[in-house]
Amino acid sequence: MDIVLPCLDEAAALPWVLDRIPPQARAIVVDNGSRDGSAQLARDRGALVVECGRRGYGAACHAGLEAATAEFVMFCDCDASLDPAVATQFVAALEAGADLVVGRRVPAERGAWSLSSRFANRELARRVRARTGLSLRDIGPVRAARRAPLLALPIADRRSGYPVETVLRAVQAGWAVQELDVAYLPRAGRSKVTGTLRGTVQAVRDMSAVLAS
């Protein structure tokens, strides 16, 4: 399995994240313009580093997907809020018949998930349920699928709407979608997106645009 880790200034978190990569998996760190040495740190720890000049979460995810070569690909934040060791559970679900496996974040301790981000995600999940008929409770950053079919999905968003569009395109393609609980930990450092009110608003706008299209 390849684990795609979109990265923007995550030097504080990368050692922990890369140490948690399962032995049978490969880390693909997609550097999205870091200035804190994240890319070199990842290389020094044996990760494949992909430089993505186009800013945006979706752009980084797609660059990592294109660089992947394994049958299974998982996407995971590399800010230490999510443990990439859950990849083994996601692969098991895919091998058991799921086409797309998405993670439902369950806060491991108080303060792990900001209220603004949590409430916004709850509303987005409700809208995705209404649109698709799925029983998803989270539209989060950890998900897995087989590489070739995922590449074939016409996912156009290159910003924060990428996870929502992935789910919508999967449903349109008739995929079996499964949700697994994953522990959500306090991130290392300050979030550039949903950890701030401005970032949360922008993410909601991006995802809402995808839902409206």
N, C-alpha and C. Protein backbone atom coordinates (compact mmCIF):
# COMPACT_ATOMS: atom_id res chain seq x y z
N MET A 1 0.83 -1.19 0.00
CA MET A 1 0.00 0.00 0.00
C MET A 1 0.87 1.24 0.00
N ASP A 2 0.41 2.28 -0.71
CA ASP A 2 1.05 3.59 -0.66
C ASP A 2 0.17 4.51 0.19
N ILE A 3 0.79 5.28 1.07
CA ILE A 3 0.07 6.23 1.92
C ILE A 3 0.48 7.63 1.50
N VAL A 4 -0.47 8.37 0.95
CA VAL A 4 -0.22 9.73 0.47
C VAL A 4 -0.42 10.71 1.62
N LEU A 5 0.60 11.53 1.85
CA LEU A 5 0.60 12.48 2.96
C LEU A 5 0.79 13.90 2.43
N PRO A 6 -0.31 14.63 2.16
CA PRO A 6 -0.18 16.03 1.74
C PRO A 6 0.51 16.83 2.84
N CYS A 7 1.48 17.66 2.47
CA CYS A 7 2.34 18.28 3.48
C CYS A 7 2.59 19.75 3.19
N LEU A 8 2.36 20.59 4.20
CA LEU A 8 2.72 22.00 4.14
C LEU A 8 3.24 22.40 5.50
N ASP A 9 4.55 22.49 5.62
CA ASP A 9 5.21 22.89 6.87
C ASP A 9 4.80 21.99 8.05
N GLU A 10 5.13 20.71 7.95
CA GLU A 10 4.78 19.75 8.99
C GLU A 10 6.02 19.09 9.60
N ALA A 11 7.13 19.82 9.66
CA ALA A 11 8.37 19.23 10.20
C ALA A 11 8.21 18.75 11.63
N ALA A 12 7.36 19.41 12.41
CA ALA A 12 7.18 19.02 13.81
C ALA A 12 6.45 17.69 13.94
N ALA A 13 5.61 17.36 12.97
CA ALA A 13 4.80 16.15 13.05
C ALA A 13 5.36 14.97 12.27
N LEU A 14 6.12 15.25 11.21
CA LEU A 14 6.56 14.19 10.30
C LEU A 14 7.30 13.03 10.96
N PRO A 15 8.21 13.25 11.90
CA PRO A 15 8.89 12.09 12.50
C PRO A 15 7.92 11.09 13.11
N TRP A 16 6.95 11.57 13.87
CA TRP A 16 5.97 10.67 14.48
C TRP A 16 5.15 9.96 13.42
N VAL A 17 4.69 10.71 12.42
CA VAL A 17 3.86 10.13 11.37
C VAL A 17 4.63 9.05 10.60
N LEU A 18 5.84 9.37 10.17
CA LEU A 18 6.60 8.41 9.37
C LEU A 18 7.00 7.18 10.17
N ASP A 19 7.20 7.35 11.47
CA ASP A 19 7.52 6.20 12.32
C ASP A 19 6.32 5.27 12.48
N ARG A 20 5.11 5.76 12.17
CA ARG A 20 3.90 4.96 12.33
C ARG A 20 3.44 4.31 11.02
N ILE A 21 4.19 4.51 9.96
CA ILE A 21 3.84 3.87 8.68
C ILE A 21 4.03 2.36 8.82
N PRO A 22 3.02 1.54 8.48
CA PRO A 22 3.18 0.09 8.59
C PRO A 22 4.34 -0.41 7.74
N PRO A 23 5.01 -1.49 8.15
CA PRO A 23 6.18 -1.99 7.42
C PRO A 23 5.89 -2.33 5.96
N GLN A 24 4.68 -2.78 5.66
CA GLN A 24 4.35 -3.19 4.30
C GLN A 24 3.87 -2.03 3.44
N ALA A 25 3.90 -0.81 3.98
CA ALA A 25 3.41 0.36 3.24
C ALA A 25 4.56 1.31 2.91
N ARG A 26 4.32 2.19 1.94
CA ARG A 26 5.29 3.22 1.57
C ARG A 26 4.67 4.60 1.77
N ALA A 27 5.43 5.49 2.37
CA ALA A 27 4.96 6.86 2.57
C ALA A 27 5.31 7.71 1.36
N ILE A 28 4.31 8.42 0.84
CA ILE A 28 4.52 9.39 -0.23
C ILE A 28 4.18 10.76 0.33
N VAL A 29 5.18 11.55 0.63
CA VAL A 29 4.98 12.88 1.18
C VAL A 29 4.92 13.86 0.02
N VAL A 30 3.78 14.53 -0.12
CA VAL A 30 3.60 15.49 -1.21
C VAL A 30 3.81 16.89 -0.65
N ASP A 31 4.95 17.46 -0.97
CA ASP A 31 5.28 18.78 -0.42
C ASP A 31 4.60 19.87 -1.24
N ASN A 32 3.79 20.68 -0.55
CA ASN A 32 2.96 21.69 -1.21
C ASN A 32 3.48 23.11 -0.97
N GLY A 33 4.83 23.21 -0.91
CA GLY A 33 5.44 24.52 -0.73
C GLY A 33 5.97 24.79 0.66
N SER A 34 6.39 23.75 1.36
CA SER A 34 6.90 23.91 2.73
C SER A 34 8.17 24.75 2.76
N ARG A 35 8.32 25.49 3.85
CA ARG A 35 9.52 26.30 4.05
C ARG A 35 10.27 25.92 5.33
N ASP A 36 9.84 24.84 5.96
CA ASP A 36 10.43 24.46 7.24
C ASP A 36 11.30 23.21 7.15
N GLY A 37 11.66 22.82 5.93
CA GLY A 37 12.51 21.64 5.76
C GLY A 37 11.77 20.32 5.77
N SER A 38 10.45 20.36 5.65
CA SER A 38 9.66 19.12 5.69
C SER A 38 10.09 18.12 4.62
N ALA A 39 10.33 18.62 3.41
CA ALA A 39 10.66 17.72 2.30
C ALA A 39 11.96 16.96 2.57
N GLN A 40 12.99 17.66 3.00
CA GLN A 40 14.27 17.00 3.25
C GLN A 40 14.17 16.05 4.44
N LEU A 41 13.42 16.47 5.46
CA LEU A 41 13.23 15.59 6.62
C LEU A 41 12.57 14.28 6.18
N ALA A 42 11.58 14.37 5.31
CA ALA A 42 10.88 13.17 4.84
C ALA A 42 11.83 12.29 4.02
N ARG A 43 12.63 12.91 3.17
CA ARG A 43 13.60 12.14 2.39
C ARG A 43 14.58 11.41 3.30
N ASP A 44 15.06 12.12 4.30
CA ASP A 44 16.03 11.53 5.23
C ASP A 44 15.46 10.33 5.96
N ARG A 45 14.15 10.29 6.09
CA ARG A 45 13.50 9.18 6.80
C ARG A 45 12.96 8.12 5.85
N GLY A 46 13.35 8.20 4.58
CA GLY A 46 13.04 7.15 3.63
C GLY A 46 11.75 7.27 2.86
N ALA A 47 11.04 8.40 3.01
CA ALA A 47 9.79 8.57 2.27
C ALA A 47 10.06 9.00 0.84
N LEU A 48 9.16 8.66 -0.05
CA LEU A 48 9.19 9.22 -1.40
C LEU A 48 8.59 10.62 -1.31
N VAL A 49 9.32 11.62 -1.78
CA VAL A 49 8.85 13.00 -1.72
C VAL A 49 8.47 13.46 -3.12
N VAL A 50 7.26 13.97 -3.25
CA VAL A 50 6.76 14.51 -4.52
C VAL A 50 6.54 16.00 -4.32
N GLU A 51 7.12 16.81 -5.19
CA GLU A 51 6.94 18.26 -5.11
C GLU A 51 5.70 18.64 -5.91
N CYS A 52 4.78 19.35 -5.27
CA CYS A 52 3.56 19.79 -5.93
C CYS A 52 3.53 21.32 -5.91
N GLY A 53 3.77 21.93 -7.05
CA GLY A 53 3.85 23.38 -7.13
C GLY A 53 2.50 24.07 -7.06
N ARG A 54 1.45 23.36 -7.40
CA ARG A 54 0.11 23.95 -7.35
C ARG A 54 -0.43 23.84 -5.92
N ARG A 55 -0.73 24.97 -5.31
CA ARG A 55 -1.23 24.95 -3.94
C ARG A 55 -2.65 24.41 -3.89
N GLY A 56 -2.95 23.71 -2.83
CA GLY A 56 -4.29 23.18 -2.63
C GLY A 56 -4.26 21.74 -2.15
N TYR A 57 -5.15 21.42 -1.23
CA TYR A 57 -5.20 20.07 -0.68
C TYR A 57 -5.47 19.04 -1.79
N GLY A 58 -6.44 19.32 -2.64
CA GLY A 58 -6.76 18.38 -3.70
C GLY A 58 -5.62 18.21 -4.68
N ALA A 59 -4.91 19.31 -4.97
CA ALA A 59 -3.77 19.22 -5.88
C ALA A 59 -2.69 18.30 -5.31
N ALA A 60 -2.44 18.42 -4.00
CA ALA A 60 -1.44 17.57 -3.36
C ALA A 60 -1.88 16.11 -3.36
N CYS A 61 -3.15 15.88 -3.04
CA CYS A 61 -3.66 14.50 -3.04
C CYS A 61 -3.53 13.87 -4.42
N HIS A 62 -3.91 14.62 -5.44
CA HIS A 62 -3.88 14.05 -6.79
C HIS A 62 -2.45 13.80 -7.25
N ALA A 63 -1.53 14.69 -6.89
CA ALA A 63 -0.13 14.47 -7.25
C ALA A 63 0.40 13.20 -6.59
N GLY A 64 0.00 12.97 -5.35
CA GLY A 64 0.41 11.75 -4.66
C GLY A 64 -0.19 10.51 -5.29
N LEU A 65 -1.46 10.60 -5.68
CA LEU A 65 -2.13 9.48 -6.33
C LEU A 65 -1.44 9.13 -7.65
N GLU A 66 -1.06 10.14 -8.41
CA GLU A 66 -0.38 9.89 -9.68
C GLU A 66 1.00 9.27 -9.47
N ALA A 67 1.64 9.59 -8.35
CA ALA A 67 2.97 9.04 -8.06
C ALA A 67 2.90 7.64 -7.47
N ALA A 68 1.75 7.26 -6.97
CA ALA A 68 1.60 5.95 -6.33
C ALA A 68 1.69 4.83 -7.36
N THR A 69 2.14 3.68 -6.91
CA THR A 69 2.23 2.50 -7.79
C THR A 69 1.61 1.26 -7.16
N ALA A 70 1.29 1.31 -5.88
CA ALA A 70 0.72 0.15 -5.20
C ALA A 70 -0.74 -0.06 -5.60
N GLU A 71 -1.24 -1.25 -5.35
CA GLU A 71 -2.65 -1.53 -5.68
C GLU A 71 -3.58 -0.68 -4.83
N PHE A 72 -3.24 -0.53 -3.55
CA PHE A 72 -4.08 0.24 -2.63
C PHE A 72 -3.41 1.56 -2.28
N VAL A 73 -4.22 2.61 -2.19
CA VAL A 73 -3.71 3.93 -1.83
C VAL A 73 -4.57 4.50 -0.70
N MET A 74 -3.93 5.01 0.33
CA MET A 74 -4.64 5.69 1.40
C MET A 74 -4.15 7.11 1.50
N PHE A 75 -5.05 8.04 1.80
CA PHE A 75 -4.71 9.44 2.02
C PHE A 75 -4.84 9.71 3.52
N CYS A 76 -3.88 10.46 4.06
CA CYS A 76 -3.88 10.72 5.49
C CYS A 76 -3.17 12.05 5.75
N ASP A 77 -3.71 12.86 6.65
CA ASP A 77 -3.02 14.09 7.03
C ASP A 77 -1.70 13.73 7.70
N CYS A 78 -0.71 14.60 7.55
CA CYS A 78 0.59 14.31 8.18
C CYS A 78 0.91 15.32 9.28
N ASP A 79 -0.14 15.71 10.02
CA ASP A 79 0.04 16.65 11.13
C ASP A 79 -0.03 15.96 12.49
N ALA A 80 0.02 14.62 12.50
CA ALA A 80 -0.02 13.79 13.71
C ALA A 80 -1.40 13.74 14.35
N SER A 81 -2.43 14.20 13.64
CA SER A 81 -3.79 14.08 14.17
C SER A 81 -4.39 12.72 13.86
N LEU A 82 -3.79 12.01 12.92
CA LEU A 82 -4.28 10.70 12.51
C LEU A 82 -3.11 9.72 12.45
N ASP A 83 -3.34 8.50 12.90
CA ASP A 83 -2.30 7.48 12.94
C ASP A 83 -2.32 6.68 11.64
N PRO A 84 -1.27 6.78 10.82
CA PRO A 84 -1.28 6.04 9.54
C PRO A 84 -1.25 4.53 9.72
N ALA A 85 -1.05 4.05 10.94
CA ALA A 85 -1.08 2.61 11.18
C ALA A 85 -2.46 2.02 10.91
N VAL A 86 -3.51 2.87 10.84
CA VAL A 86 -4.85 2.36 10.54
C VAL A 86 -4.93 1.84 9.11
N ALA A 87 -3.89 2.05 8.33
CA ALA A 87 -3.89 1.58 6.94
C ALA A 87 -4.18 0.09 6.84
N THR A 88 -3.72 -0.69 7.80
CA THR A 88 -3.95 -2.14 7.75
C THR A 88 -5.45 -2.46 7.82
N GLN A 89 -6.19 -1.70 8.63
CA GLN A 89 -7.63 -1.91 8.74
C GLN A 89 -8.35 -1.51 7.44
N PHE A 90 -7.87 -0.43 6.82
CA PHE A 90 -8.48 0.04 5.59
C PHE A 90 -8.25 -0.95 4.45
N VAL A 91 -7.05 -1.50 4.38
CA VAL A 91 -6.77 -2.51 3.35
C VAL A 91 -7.65 -3.74 3.56
N ALA A 92 -7.82 -4.15 4.81
CA ALA A 92 -8.66 -5.31 5.10
C ALA A 92 -10.10 -5.08 4.63
N ALA A 93 -10.60 -3.85 4.82
CA ALA A 93 -11.96 -3.53 4.38
C ALA A 93 -12.06 -3.55 2.85
N LEU A 94 -11.03 -3.06 2.17
CA LEU A 94 -11.02 -3.09 0.71
C LEU A 94 -10.96 -4.52 0.20
N GLU A 95 -10.15 -5.34 0.81
CA GLU A 95 -10.04 -6.73 0.39
C GLU A 95 -11.33 -7.51 0.67
N ALA A 96 -12.11 -7.03 1.66
CA ALA A 96 -13.36 -7.70 2.00
C ALA A 96 -14.53 -7.26 1.11
N GLY A 97 -14.30 -6.30 0.21
CA GLY A 97 -15.34 -5.94 -0.73
C GLY A 97 -15.66 -4.47 -0.88
N ALA A 98 -15.15 -3.62 -0.01
CA ALA A 98 -15.40 -2.18 -0.15
C ALA A 98 -14.58 -1.63 -1.32
N ASP A 99 -15.13 -0.60 -1.98
CA ASP A 99 -14.41 0.08 -3.05
C ASP A 99 -13.75 1.36 -2.55
N LEU A 100 -14.39 2.01 -1.59
CA LEU A 100 -13.85 3.22 -0.98
C LEU A 100 -14.10 3.13 0.51
N VAL A 101 -13.05 3.33 1.29
CA VAL A 101 -13.16 3.31 2.74
C VAL A 101 -12.80 4.69 3.26
N VAL A 102 -13.68 5.28 4.04
CA VAL A 102 -13.44 6.61 4.59
C VAL A 102 -13.43 6.53 6.11
N GLY A 103 -12.63 7.41 6.72
CA GLY A 103 -12.50 7.40 8.16
C GLY A 103 -13.43 8.38 8.84
N ARG A 104 -14.09 7.92 9.89
CA ARG A 104 -14.89 8.80 10.74
C ARG A 104 -14.05 9.18 11.95
N ARG A 105 -13.72 10.46 12.05
CA ARG A 105 -12.87 10.91 13.15
C ARG A 105 -13.61 10.90 14.48
N VAL A 106 -12.98 10.25 15.46
CA VAL A 106 -13.52 10.20 16.82
C VAL A 106 -12.48 10.85 17.73
N PRO A 107 -12.76 12.04 18.29
CA PRO A 107 -11.77 12.74 19.12
C PRO A 107 -11.26 11.86 20.25
N ALA A 108 -9.93 11.76 20.35
CA ALA A 108 -9.32 10.94 21.39
C ALA A 108 -9.22 11.68 22.72
N GLU A 109 -9.31 12.99 22.66
CA GLU A 109 -9.28 13.79 23.89
C GLU A 109 -9.87 15.16 23.63
N ARG A 110 -10.20 15.86 24.71
CA ARG A 110 -10.82 17.17 24.59
C ARG A 110 -9.90 18.13 23.85
N GLY A 111 -10.46 18.88 22.93
CA GLY A 111 -9.68 19.87 22.20
C GLY A 111 -9.03 19.35 20.94
N ALA A 112 -9.19 18.06 20.65
CA ALA A 112 -8.55 17.51 19.45
C ALA A 112 -9.20 18.05 18.17
N TRP A 113 -10.47 18.42 18.26
CA TRP A 113 -11.22 18.86 17.09
C TRP A 113 -11.91 20.17 17.44
N SER A 114 -11.57 21.26 16.74
CA SER A 114 -12.16 22.56 17.05
C SER A 114 -13.67 22.53 16.82
N LEU A 115 -14.40 23.29 17.61
CA LEU A 115 -15.85 23.31 17.50
C LEU A 115 -16.31 23.82 16.13
N SER A 116 -15.63 24.86 15.62
CA SER A 116 -16.04 25.41 14.32
C SER A 116 -15.91 24.37 13.22
N SER A 117 -14.80 23.65 13.23
CA SER A 117 -14.58 22.62 12.22
C SER A 117 -15.54 21.45 12.40
N ARG A 118 -15.78 21.08 13.63
CA ARG A 118 -16.65 19.94 13.91
C ARG A 118 -18.09 20.21 13.47
N PHE A 119 -18.60 21.39 13.79
CA PHE A 119 -19.97 21.73 13.42
C PHE A 119 -20.10 21.86 11.90
N ALA A 120 -19.10 22.46 11.26
CA ALA A 120 -19.13 22.59 9.81
C ALA A 120 -19.12 21.22 9.15
N ASN A 121 -18.29 20.32 9.66
CA ASN A 121 -18.21 18.97 9.09
C ASN A 121 -19.52 18.22 9.28
N ARG A 122 -20.15 18.42 10.42
CA ARG A 122 -21.42 17.75 10.68
C ARG A 122 -22.48 18.15 9.64
N GLU A 123 -22.53 19.44 9.33
CA GLU A 123 -23.49 19.92 8.34
C GLU A 123 -23.15 19.39 6.94
N LEU A 124 -21.86 19.40 6.60
CA LEU A 124 -21.46 18.87 5.30
C LEU A 124 -21.78 17.39 5.16
N ALA A 125 -21.55 16.63 6.24
CA ALA A 125 -21.88 15.21 6.21
C ALA A 125 -23.38 15.00 6.02
N ARG A 126 -24.19 15.85 6.65
CA ARG A 126 -25.64 15.76 6.48
C ARG A 126 -26.03 15.99 5.02
N ARG A 127 -25.40 16.97 4.39
CA ARG A 127 -25.70 17.28 3.00
C ARG A 127 -25.24 16.16 2.07
N VAL A 128 -24.11 15.55 2.38
CA VAL A 128 -23.63 14.42 1.57
C VAL A 128 -24.58 13.23 1.73
N ARG A 129 -25.06 12.99 2.94
CA ARG A 129 -26.04 11.90 3.15
C ARG A 129 -27.30 12.13 2.32
N ALA A 130 -27.77 13.39 2.34
CA ALA A 130 -28.98 13.71 1.59
C ALA A 130 -28.77 13.55 0.08
N ARG A 131 -27.57 13.85 -0.36
CA ARG A 131 -27.26 13.80 -1.80
C ARG A 131 -27.03 12.36 -2.27
N THR A 132 -26.46 11.52 -1.42
CA THR A 132 -26.02 10.20 -1.86
C THR A 132 -26.80 9.02 -1.30
N GLY A 133 -27.44 9.24 -0.15
CA GLY A 133 -28.11 8.13 0.51
C GLY A 133 -27.18 7.32 1.40
N LEU A 134 -25.91 7.69 1.44
CA LEU A 134 -24.95 7.01 2.32
C LEU A 134 -25.19 7.42 3.78
N SER A 135 -24.70 6.63 4.69
CA SER A 135 -24.85 6.93 6.11
C SER A 135 -23.57 7.51 6.71
N LEU A 136 -22.80 8.23 5.91
CA LEU A 136 -21.53 8.79 6.38
C LEU A 136 -21.77 9.83 7.46
N ARG A 137 -20.90 9.83 8.47
CA ARG A 137 -20.99 10.81 9.55
C ARG A 137 -19.82 11.78 9.55
N ASP A 138 -18.91 11.61 8.60
CA ASP A 138 -17.73 12.48 8.56
C ASP A 138 -17.26 12.60 7.11
N ILE A 139 -16.77 13.79 6.77
CA ILE A 139 -16.12 14.00 5.48
C ILE A 139 -14.69 14.40 5.81
N GLY A 140 -13.90 13.41 6.14
CA GLY A 140 -12.58 13.67 6.69
C GLY A 140 -11.43 13.43 5.73
N PRO A 141 -10.21 13.57 6.24
CA PRO A 141 -9.02 13.50 5.38
C PRO A 141 -8.42 12.11 5.20
N VAL A 142 -8.98 11.09 5.82
CA VAL A 142 -8.41 9.75 5.67
C VAL A 142 -9.39 8.86 4.91
N ARG A 143 -8.90 8.29 3.81
CA ARG A 143 -9.73 7.44 2.97
C ARG A 143 -8.80 6.56 2.13
N ALA A 144 -9.33 5.46 1.63
CA ALA A 144 -8.50 4.52 0.86
C ALA A 144 -9.32 3.87 -0.23
N ALA A 145 -8.63 3.50 -1.30
CA ALA A 145 -9.26 2.83 -2.43
C ALA A 145 -8.18 2.15 -3.25
N ARG A 146 -8.59 1.41 -4.25
CA ARG A 146 -7.64 0.86 -5.20
C ARG A 146 -7.19 1.98 -6.15
N ARG A 147 -5.93 1.99 -6.44
CA ARG A 147 -5.34 3.11 -7.18
C ARG A 147 -5.95 3.27 -8.58
N ALA A 148 -5.99 2.23 -9.37
CA ALA A 148 -6.42 2.35 -10.76
C ALA A 148 -7.85 2.86 -10.89
N PRO A 149 -8.83 2.28 -10.18
CA PRO A 149 -10.19 2.81 -10.28
C PRO A 149 -10.30 4.24 -9.77
N LEU A 150 -9.53 4.58 -8.74
CA LEU A 150 -9.59 5.94 -8.20
C LEU A 150 -9.06 6.95 -9.21
N LEU A 151 -7.99 6.59 -9.89
CA LEU A 151 -7.46 7.47 -10.94
C LEU A 151 -8.47 7.68 -12.07
N ALA A 152 -9.31 6.70 -12.29
CA ALA A 152 -10.28 6.78 -13.38
C ALA A 152 -11.49 7.66 -13.03
N LEU A 153 -11.69 7.95 -11.75
CA LEU A 153 -12.81 8.82 -11.39
C LEU A 153 -12.51 10.25 -11.85
N PRO A 154 -13.49 10.94 -12.42
CA PRO A 154 -13.26 12.30 -12.93
C PRO A 154 -13.33 13.35 -11.82
N ILE A 155 -12.36 13.31 -10.91
CA ILE A 155 -12.33 14.26 -9.79
C ILE A 155 -11.60 15.52 -10.26
N ALA A 156 -12.31 16.64 -10.29
CA ALA A 156 -11.76 17.87 -10.84
C ALA A 156 -11.29 18.86 -9.78
N ASP A 157 -11.85 18.80 -8.57
CA ASP A 157 -11.50 19.79 -7.55
C ASP A 157 -10.05 19.60 -7.10
N ARG A 158 -9.35 20.71 -6.91
CA ARG A 158 -7.96 20.65 -6.45
C ARG A 158 -7.77 21.47 -5.17
N ARG A 159 -8.88 21.76 -4.49
CA ARG A 159 -8.81 22.48 -3.22
C ARG A 159 -9.41 21.61 -2.12
N SER A 160 -10.10 22.22 -1.19
CA SER A 160 -10.63 21.47 -0.05
C SER A 160 -11.86 20.65 -0.38
N GLY A 161 -12.41 20.83 -1.59
CA GLY A 161 -13.56 20.03 -1.98
C GLY A 161 -13.22 18.63 -2.45
N TYR A 162 -11.93 18.31 -2.52
CA TYR A 162 -11.49 17.02 -3.05
C TYR A 162 -12.11 15.82 -2.32
N PRO A 163 -12.15 15.79 -0.98
CA PRO A 163 -12.75 14.62 -0.31
C PRO A 163 -14.23 14.45 -0.63
N VAL A 164 -14.97 15.55 -0.68
CA VAL A 164 -16.39 15.47 -1.00
C VAL A 164 -16.59 14.95 -2.41
N GLU A 165 -15.83 15.49 -3.36
CA GLU A 165 -16.00 15.05 -4.74
C GLU A 165 -15.61 13.58 -4.90
N THR A 166 -14.62 13.13 -4.15
CA THR A 166 -14.24 11.72 -4.21
C THR A 166 -15.42 10.84 -3.85
N VAL A 167 -16.13 11.20 -2.78
CA VAL A 167 -17.29 10.41 -2.35
C VAL A 167 -18.40 10.48 -3.40
N LEU A 168 -18.69 11.68 -3.90
CA LEU A 168 -19.76 11.83 -4.89
C LEU A 168 -19.47 11.04 -6.16
N ARG A 169 -18.22 11.13 -6.63
CA ARG A 169 -17.87 10.40 -7.86
C ARG A 169 -17.92 8.89 -7.63
N ALA A 170 -17.52 8.46 -6.44
CA ALA A 170 -17.56 7.03 -6.13
C ALA A 170 -19.00 6.52 -6.14
N VAL A 171 -19.91 7.29 -5.57
CA VAL A 171 -21.32 6.89 -5.56
C VAL A 171 -21.88 6.85 -6.98
N GLN A 172 -21.53 7.86 -7.79
CA GLN A 172 -21.98 7.89 -9.18
C GLN A 172 -21.49 6.66 -9.95
N ALA A 173 -20.31 6.18 -9.57
CA ALA A 173 -19.73 5.02 -10.25
C ALA A 173 -20.25 3.69 -9.69
N GLY A 174 -21.12 3.76 -8.68
CA GLY A 174 -21.68 2.55 -8.12
C GLY A 174 -20.79 1.83 -7.12
N TRP A 175 -19.84 2.55 -6.55
CA TRP A 175 -18.90 1.95 -5.60
C TRP A 175 -19.57 1.64 -4.26
N ALA A 176 -19.06 0.61 -3.61
CA ALA A 176 -19.45 0.30 -2.24
C ALA A 176 -18.58 1.14 -1.30
N VAL A 177 -19.21 1.99 -0.51
CA VAL A 177 -18.49 2.90 0.37
C VAL A 177 -18.68 2.46 1.82
N GLN A 178 -17.58 2.35 2.55
CA GLN A 178 -17.62 1.93 3.95
C GLN A 178 -16.94 2.96 4.83
N GLU A 179 -17.46 3.15 6.03
CA GLU A 179 -16.89 4.09 6.98
C GLU A 179 -16.31 3.35 8.18
N LEU A 180 -15.09 3.71 8.57
CA LEU A 180 -14.43 3.13 9.74
C LEU A 180 -14.08 4.23 10.73
N ASP A 181 -14.24 3.94 12.02
CA ASP A 181 -13.85 4.91 13.04
C ASP A 181 -12.33 4.98 13.14
N VAL A 182 -11.81 6.21 13.27
CA VAL A 182 -10.37 6.41 13.49
C VAL A 182 -10.20 7.43 14.61
N ALA A 183 -9.21 7.21 15.46
CA ALA A 183 -8.95 8.14 16.55
C ALA A 183 -8.41 9.46 15.99
N TYR A 184 -8.94 10.56 16.51
CA TYR A 184 -8.51 11.89 16.08
C TYR A 184 -7.76 12.55 17.23
N LEU A 185 -6.49 12.83 17.01
CA LEU A 185 -5.59 13.32 18.05
C LEU A 185 -5.31 14.81 17.88
N PRO A 186 -4.86 15.49 18.92
CA PRO A 186 -4.46 16.89 18.76
C PRO A 186 -3.31 16.98 17.78
N ARG A 187 -3.42 17.84 16.79
CA ARG A 187 -2.39 17.94 15.78
C ARG A 187 -1.14 18.59 16.35
N ALA A 188 -0.02 18.38 15.67
CA ALA A 188 1.25 19.04 16.04
C ALA A 188 1.31 20.37 15.29
N GLY A 189 1.47 21.47 16.00
CA GLY A 189 1.53 22.77 15.36
C GLY A 189 0.14 23.29 15.04
N ARG A 190 0.07 24.41 14.36
CA ARG A 190 -1.19 25.06 14.04
C ARG A 190 -1.68 24.66 12.66
N SER A 191 -2.97 24.35 12.58
CA SER A 191 -3.56 23.98 11.31
C SER A 191 -3.58 25.16 10.35
N LYS A 192 -3.32 24.87 9.07
CA LYS A 192 -3.40 25.91 8.04
C LYS A 192 -4.81 26.01 7.46
N VAL A 193 -5.66 25.03 7.80
CA VAL A 193 -7.00 25.02 7.20
C VAL A 193 -8.06 25.05 8.29
N THR A 194 -8.50 23.88 8.76
CA THR A 194 -9.66 23.83 9.64
C THR A 194 -9.35 24.21 11.09
N GLY A 195 -8.11 24.48 11.42
CA GLY A 195 -7.79 24.92 12.76
C GLY A 195 -8.02 26.40 12.96
N THR A 196 -8.35 27.11 11.89
CA THR A 196 -8.64 28.53 11.97
C THR A 196 -10.04 28.79 11.42
N LEU A 197 -10.67 29.87 11.88
CA LEU A 197 -12.00 30.20 11.40
C LEU A 197 -11.96 30.48 9.90
N ARG A 198 -10.95 31.23 9.46
CA ARG A 198 -10.83 31.55 8.03
C ARG A 198 -10.66 30.29 7.21
N GLY A 199 -9.81 29.38 7.70
CA GLY A 199 -9.59 28.14 6.97
C GLY A 199 -10.84 27.28 6.90
N THR A 200 -11.58 27.24 8.02
CA THR A 200 -12.81 26.46 8.05
C THR A 200 -13.82 27.01 7.05
N VAL A 201 -13.97 28.33 7.03
CA VAL A 201 -14.90 28.97 6.10
C VAL A 201 -14.53 28.64 4.65
N GLN A 202 -13.23 28.73 4.34
CA GLN A 202 -12.81 28.44 2.97
C GLN A 202 -13.06 26.98 2.61
N ALA A 203 -12.79 26.07 3.55
CA ALA A 203 -13.01 24.65 3.29
C ALA A 203 -14.50 24.38 3.05
N VAL A 204 -15.36 25.02 3.85
CA VAL A 204 -16.80 24.85 3.68
C VAL A 204 -17.24 25.37 2.32
N ARG A 205 -16.70 26.51 1.91
CA ARG A 205 -17.02 27.06 0.60
C ARG A 205 -16.63 26.11 -0.52
N ASP A 206 -15.42 25.56 -0.42
CA ASP A 206 -14.94 24.64 -1.46
C ASP A 206 -15.83 23.39 -1.54
N MET A 207 -16.15 22.82 -0.38
CA MET A 207 -16.96 21.62 -0.36
C MET A 207 -18.39 21.90 -0.79
N SER A 208 -18.92 23.06 -0.40
CA SER A 208 -20.27 23.43 -0.80
C SER A 208 -20.35 23.62 -2.31
N ALA A 209 -19.30 24.17 -2.89
CA ALA A 209 -19.28 24.37 -4.35
C ALA A 209 -19.33 23.04 -5.07
N VAL A 210 -18.63 22.05 -4.54
CA VAL A 210 -18.66 20.72 -5.15
C VAL A 210 -20.05 20.12 -5.03
N LEU A 211 -20.69 20.26 -3.87
CA LEU A 211 -22.02 19.71 -3.67
C LEU A 211 -23.05 20.39 -4.57
N ALA A 212 -22.83 21.67 -4.86
CA ALA A 212 -23.78 22.43 -5.67
C ALA A 212 -23.60 22.20 -7.16
N SER A 213 -22.45 21.67 -7.55
CA SER A 213 -22.17 21.51 -8.98
C SER A 213 -22.85 20.29 -9.56
